[in-house]
Amino acid sequence: MMLVIPDVLEASCATRQALERLAAKWRVLLVYALLAGPQRHADLRRRLPDITQKVLTETLRGMQADGLVEGGGGGGAAPPPPPPPLVLGVTRSA
């Protein structure tokens, strides 16, 4: 099997495009913070005290547009409630 090394200097290189999306300082720190699991906007703000409210909001919106993070509710609203649990049972014909 031949090793293929991507040419990250080419603008069309997928690896370069991924690096451009992740390489920003706050994006890397936010990804790291979110590895612990989903968190509210205020919790992220507390974990990254040096980031401004505006930069945090803009960065998270950009990351969401790039498909790096997903969120529910937006604007500080609570996420939607989980769906009711699925209850399964054996059918009468079994």
N, C-alpha and C. Protein backbone atom coordinates (compact mmCIF):
# COMPACT_ATOMS: atom_id res chain seq x y z
N MET A 1 0.85 -1.18 0.00
CA MET A 1 0.00 0.00 0.00
C MET A 1 0.89 1.24 0.00
N MET A 2 0.62 2.15 -0.90
CA MET A 2 1.44 3.35 -1.04
C MET A 2 0.90 4.47 -0.16
N LEU A 3 1.78 5.11 0.59
CA LEU A 3 1.42 6.21 1.47
C LEU A 3 1.22 7.47 0.64
N VAL A 4 0.07 8.11 0.80
CA VAL A 4 -0.23 9.34 0.08
C VAL A 4 -0.17 10.49 1.07
N ILE A 5 0.70 11.44 0.81
CA ILE A 5 0.83 12.62 1.67
C ILE A 5 0.11 13.77 0.99
N PRO A 6 -0.90 14.35 1.66
CA PRO A 6 -1.66 15.42 1.03
C PRO A 6 -0.81 16.68 0.85
N ASP A 7 -1.08 17.41 -0.21
CA ASP A 7 -0.39 18.67 -0.46
C ASP A 7 -1.20 19.79 0.18
N VAL A 8 -0.90 20.07 1.45
CA VAL A 8 -1.68 21.05 2.20
C VAL A 8 -1.47 22.48 1.70
N LEU A 9 -0.55 22.68 0.79
CA LEU A 9 -0.35 24.01 0.21
C LEU A 9 -1.39 24.31 -0.87
N GLU A 10 -2.05 23.28 -1.37
CA GLU A 10 -3.11 23.46 -2.37
C GLU A 10 -4.41 23.86 -1.67
N ALA A 11 -5.05 24.90 -2.14
CA ALA A 11 -6.29 25.39 -1.52
C ALA A 11 -7.41 24.35 -1.54
N SER A 12 -7.39 23.45 -2.52
CA SER A 12 -8.46 22.46 -2.63
C SER A 12 -8.21 21.21 -1.77
N CYS A 13 -7.10 21.14 -1.07
CA CYS A 13 -6.75 19.99 -0.25
C CYS A 13 -7.72 19.88 0.94
N ALA A 14 -8.34 18.71 1.09
CA ALA A 14 -9.29 18.51 2.19
C ALA A 14 -8.63 18.64 3.55
N THR A 15 -7.39 18.19 3.67
CA THR A 15 -6.67 18.31 4.94
C THR A 15 -6.45 19.77 5.28
N ARG A 16 -6.09 20.57 4.29
CA ARG A 16 -5.89 22.00 4.52
C ARG A 16 -7.20 22.66 4.96
N GLN A 17 -8.29 22.31 4.32
CA GLN A 17 -9.58 22.89 4.67
C GLN A 17 -9.96 22.54 6.11
N ALA A 18 -9.68 21.31 6.52
CA ALA A 18 -9.96 20.91 7.90
C ALA A 18 -9.08 21.68 8.88
N LEU A 19 -7.81 21.83 8.54
CA LEU A 19 -6.89 22.59 9.41
C LEU A 19 -7.33 24.05 9.54
N GLU A 20 -7.78 24.64 8.44
CA GLU A 20 -8.24 26.03 8.49
C GLU A 20 -9.44 26.19 9.41
N ARG A 21 -10.29 25.19 9.46
CA ARG A 21 -11.48 25.26 10.31
C ARG A 21 -11.14 25.03 11.78
N LEU A 22 -10.14 24.23 12.04
CA LEU A 22 -9.81 23.88 13.43
C LEU A 22 -8.69 24.71 14.04
N ALA A 23 -7.85 25.31 13.22
CA ALA A 23 -6.61 25.89 13.72
C ALA A 23 -6.78 27.17 14.55
N ALA A 24 -7.91 27.82 14.47
CA ALA A 24 -8.11 29.05 15.24
C ALA A 24 -8.01 28.74 16.73
N LYS A 25 -7.37 29.63 17.46
CA LYS A 25 -7.11 29.43 18.89
C LYS A 25 -8.36 29.01 19.68
N TRP A 26 -9.42 29.77 19.57
CA TRP A 26 -10.59 29.49 20.38
C TRP A 26 -11.28 28.21 19.95
N ARG A 27 -11.23 27.89 18.67
CA ARG A 27 -11.87 26.65 18.21
C ARG A 27 -11.21 25.44 18.84
N VAL A 28 -9.90 25.44 18.88
CA VAL A 28 -9.18 24.31 19.48
C VAL A 28 -9.55 24.17 20.95
N LEU A 29 -9.57 25.28 21.66
CA LEU A 29 -9.89 25.24 23.09
C LEU A 29 -11.35 24.84 23.32
N LEU A 30 -12.25 25.30 22.45
CA LEU A 30 -13.65 24.92 22.60
C LEU A 30 -13.87 23.44 22.30
N VAL A 31 -13.20 22.93 21.29
CA VAL A 31 -13.30 21.49 21.00
C VAL A 31 -12.81 20.70 22.21
N TYR A 32 -11.70 21.12 22.79
CA TYR A 32 -11.15 20.44 23.96
C TYR A 32 -12.16 20.50 25.13
N ALA A 33 -12.75 21.67 25.36
CA ALA A 33 -13.71 21.81 26.45
C ALA A 33 -14.93 20.93 26.22
N LEU A 34 -15.36 20.81 24.96
CA LEU A 34 -16.55 20.03 24.64
C LEU A 34 -16.31 18.53 24.61
N LEU A 35 -15.06 18.10 24.70
CA LEU A 35 -14.78 16.66 24.76
C LEU A 35 -15.38 16.04 26.02
N ALA A 36 -15.60 16.86 27.05
CA ALA A 36 -16.20 16.37 28.28
C ALA A 36 -17.70 16.12 28.12
N GLY A 37 -18.28 16.58 27.00
CA GLY A 37 -19.71 16.41 26.75
C GLY A 37 -20.37 17.74 26.47
N PRO A 38 -21.63 17.70 26.08
CA PRO A 38 -22.36 18.93 25.77
C PRO A 38 -22.39 19.87 26.98
N GLN A 39 -22.25 21.15 26.69
CA GLN A 39 -22.24 22.16 27.76
C GLN A 39 -23.02 23.38 27.32
N ARG A 40 -23.55 24.08 28.27
CA ARG A 40 -24.27 25.31 27.99
C ARG A 40 -23.28 26.43 27.70
N HIS A 41 -23.78 27.45 27.05
CA HIS A 41 -22.97 28.61 26.67
C HIS A 41 -22.28 29.21 27.91
N ALA A 42 -23.02 29.38 28.98
CA ALA A 42 -22.46 29.98 30.20
C ALA A 42 -21.36 29.10 30.81
N ASP A 43 -21.51 27.79 30.71
CA ASP A 43 -20.49 26.88 31.24
C ASP A 43 -19.19 27.01 30.44
N LEU A 44 -19.32 27.13 29.12
CA LEU A 44 -18.13 27.32 28.29
C LEU A 44 -17.46 28.65 28.61
N ARG A 45 -18.25 29.65 28.86
CA ARG A 45 -17.72 30.98 29.20
C ARG A 45 -16.92 30.91 30.50
N ARG A 46 -17.41 30.14 31.46
CA ARG A 46 -16.69 29.99 32.73
C ARG A 46 -15.40 29.19 32.55
N ARG A 47 -15.43 28.18 31.68
CA ARG A 47 -14.24 27.35 31.45
C ARG A 47 -13.16 28.11 30.69
N LEU A 48 -13.56 29.08 29.87
CA LEU A 48 -12.63 29.89 29.08
C LEU A 48 -12.80 31.35 29.46
N PRO A 49 -12.33 31.75 30.63
CA PRO A 49 -12.60 33.10 31.13
C PRO A 49 -12.00 34.22 30.28
N ASP A 50 -11.00 33.93 29.46
CA ASP A 50 -10.37 34.98 28.65
C ASP A 50 -11.12 35.28 27.36
N ILE A 51 -12.10 34.46 26.99
CA ILE A 51 -12.84 34.70 25.75
C ILE A 51 -14.00 35.66 26.05
N THR A 52 -14.23 36.59 25.13
CA THR A 52 -15.35 37.51 25.32
C THR A 52 -16.65 36.83 24.91
N GLN A 53 -17.74 37.36 25.41
CA GLN A 53 -19.07 36.83 25.06
C GLN A 53 -19.27 36.85 23.55
N LYS A 54 -18.89 37.95 22.92
CA LYS A 54 -19.07 38.11 21.48
C LYS A 54 -18.25 37.08 20.70
N VAL A 55 -16.99 36.92 21.07
CA VAL A 55 -16.12 35.97 20.37
C VAL A 55 -16.60 34.54 20.58
N LEU A 56 -17.04 34.22 21.79
CA LEU A 56 -17.56 32.88 22.06
C LEU A 56 -18.77 32.59 21.18
N THR A 57 -19.71 33.52 21.14
CA THR A 57 -20.92 33.34 20.33
C THR A 57 -20.58 33.20 18.86
N GLU A 58 -19.74 34.09 18.34
CA GLU A 58 -19.36 34.04 16.92
C GLU A 58 -18.61 32.75 16.58
N THR A 59 -17.72 32.34 17.48
CA THR A 59 -16.94 31.13 17.24
C THR A 59 -17.84 29.90 17.23
N LEU A 60 -18.75 29.80 18.19
CA LEU A 60 -19.66 28.66 18.24
C LEU A 60 -20.59 28.63 17.02
N ARG A 61 -21.05 29.80 16.58
CA ARG A 61 -21.89 29.85 15.37
C ARG A 61 -21.12 29.37 14.15
N GLY A 62 -19.87 29.81 14.04
CA GLY A 62 -19.04 29.37 12.92
C GLY A 62 -18.77 27.88 12.97
N MET A 63 -18.50 27.36 14.16
CA MET A 63 -18.25 25.94 14.32
C MET A 63 -19.50 25.13 14.00
N GLN A 64 -20.67 25.68 14.35
CA GLN A 64 -21.92 25.00 14.05
C GLN A 64 -22.16 25.01 12.54
N ALA A 65 -21.88 26.13 11.89
CA ALA A 65 -22.05 26.22 10.43
C ALA A 65 -21.10 25.26 9.71
N ASP A 66 -19.91 25.03 10.29
CA ASP A 66 -18.94 24.11 9.70
C ASP A 66 -19.22 22.66 10.05
N GLY A 67 -20.23 22.43 10.90
CA GLY A 67 -20.58 21.06 11.28
C GLY A 67 -19.68 20.48 12.36
N LEU A 68 -18.96 21.33 13.07
CA LEU A 68 -18.06 20.84 14.13
C LEU A 68 -18.78 20.63 15.46
N VAL A 69 -19.80 21.42 15.70
CA VAL A 69 -20.58 21.28 16.92
C VAL A 69 -22.06 21.34 16.56
N GLU A 70 -22.88 20.82 17.45
CA GLU A 70 -24.31 20.94 17.26
C GLU A 70 -24.91 21.46 18.55
N GLY A 71 -25.98 22.18 18.42
CA GLY A 71 -26.59 22.75 19.60
C GLY A 71 -28.09 22.71 19.49
N GLY A 72 -28.73 22.80 20.62
CA GLY A 72 -30.18 22.82 20.64
C GLY A 72 -30.67 24.10 21.29
N GLY A 73 -31.72 24.64 20.76
CA GLY A 73 -32.35 25.80 21.37
C GLY A 73 -31.77 27.10 20.91
N GLY A 74 -30.46 27.28 20.97
CA GLY A 74 -29.83 28.53 20.55
C GLY A 74 -30.25 29.70 21.41
N GLY A 75 -29.46 30.75 21.37
CA GLY A 75 -29.80 31.97 22.09
C GLY A 75 -29.91 31.80 23.58
N GLY A 76 -29.28 30.79 24.14
CA GLY A 76 -29.33 30.59 25.58
C GLY A 76 -30.58 29.84 26.04
N ALA A 77 -31.46 29.50 25.11
CA ALA A 77 -32.68 28.78 25.48
C ALA A 77 -32.33 27.34 25.88
N ALA A 78 -33.17 26.76 26.68
CA ALA A 78 -32.94 25.38 27.10
C ALA A 78 -33.13 24.46 25.90
N PRO A 79 -32.37 23.37 25.82
CA PRO A 79 -32.55 22.43 24.71
C PRO A 79 -33.92 21.78 24.80
N PRO A 80 -34.44 21.30 23.67
CA PRO A 80 -35.76 20.66 23.71
C PRO A 80 -35.73 19.43 24.60
N PRO A 81 -36.88 19.08 25.19
CA PRO A 81 -36.90 17.90 26.07
C PRO A 81 -36.66 16.64 25.27
N PRO A 82 -36.11 15.60 25.91
CA PRO A 82 -35.87 14.34 25.20
C PRO A 82 -37.21 13.69 24.84
N PRO A 83 -37.20 12.86 23.79
CA PRO A 83 -38.45 12.17 23.43
C PRO A 83 -38.82 11.17 24.52
N PRO A 84 -40.11 10.81 24.58
CA PRO A 84 -40.52 9.83 25.60
C PRO A 84 -39.81 8.50 25.35
N PRO A 85 -39.57 7.73 26.40
CA PRO A 85 -38.88 6.44 26.22
C PRO A 85 -39.72 5.48 25.40
N LEU A 86 -39.04 4.67 24.62
CA LEU A 86 -39.70 3.65 23.81
C LEU A 86 -39.89 2.42 24.67
N VAL A 87 -41.12 1.94 24.72
CA VAL A 87 -41.44 0.75 25.52
C VAL A 87 -41.72 -0.39 24.55
N LEU A 88 -40.98 -1.48 24.69
CA LEU A 88 -41.13 -2.63 23.80
C LEU A 88 -41.63 -3.83 24.57
N GLY A 89 -42.37 -4.66 23.87
CA GLY A 89 -42.85 -5.89 24.46
C GLY A 89 -43.02 -6.95 23.39
N VAL A 90 -43.14 -8.17 23.79
CA VAL A 90 -43.34 -9.28 22.85
C VAL A 90 -44.76 -9.21 22.31
N THR A 91 -44.90 -9.42 20.99
CA THR A 91 -46.23 -9.39 20.39
C THR A 91 -47.00 -10.64 20.79
N ARG A 92 -48.29 -10.58 20.68
CA ARG A 92 -49.13 -11.74 21.05
C ARG A 92 -48.93 -12.90 20.10
N SER A 93 -48.48 -12.61 18.87
CA SER A 93 -48.29 -13.69 17.90
C SER A 93 -47.00 -14.44 18.10
N ALA A 94 -46.14 -14.01 19.00
CA ALA A 94 -44.84 -14.65 19.20
C ALA A 94 -44.95 -15.91 20.01
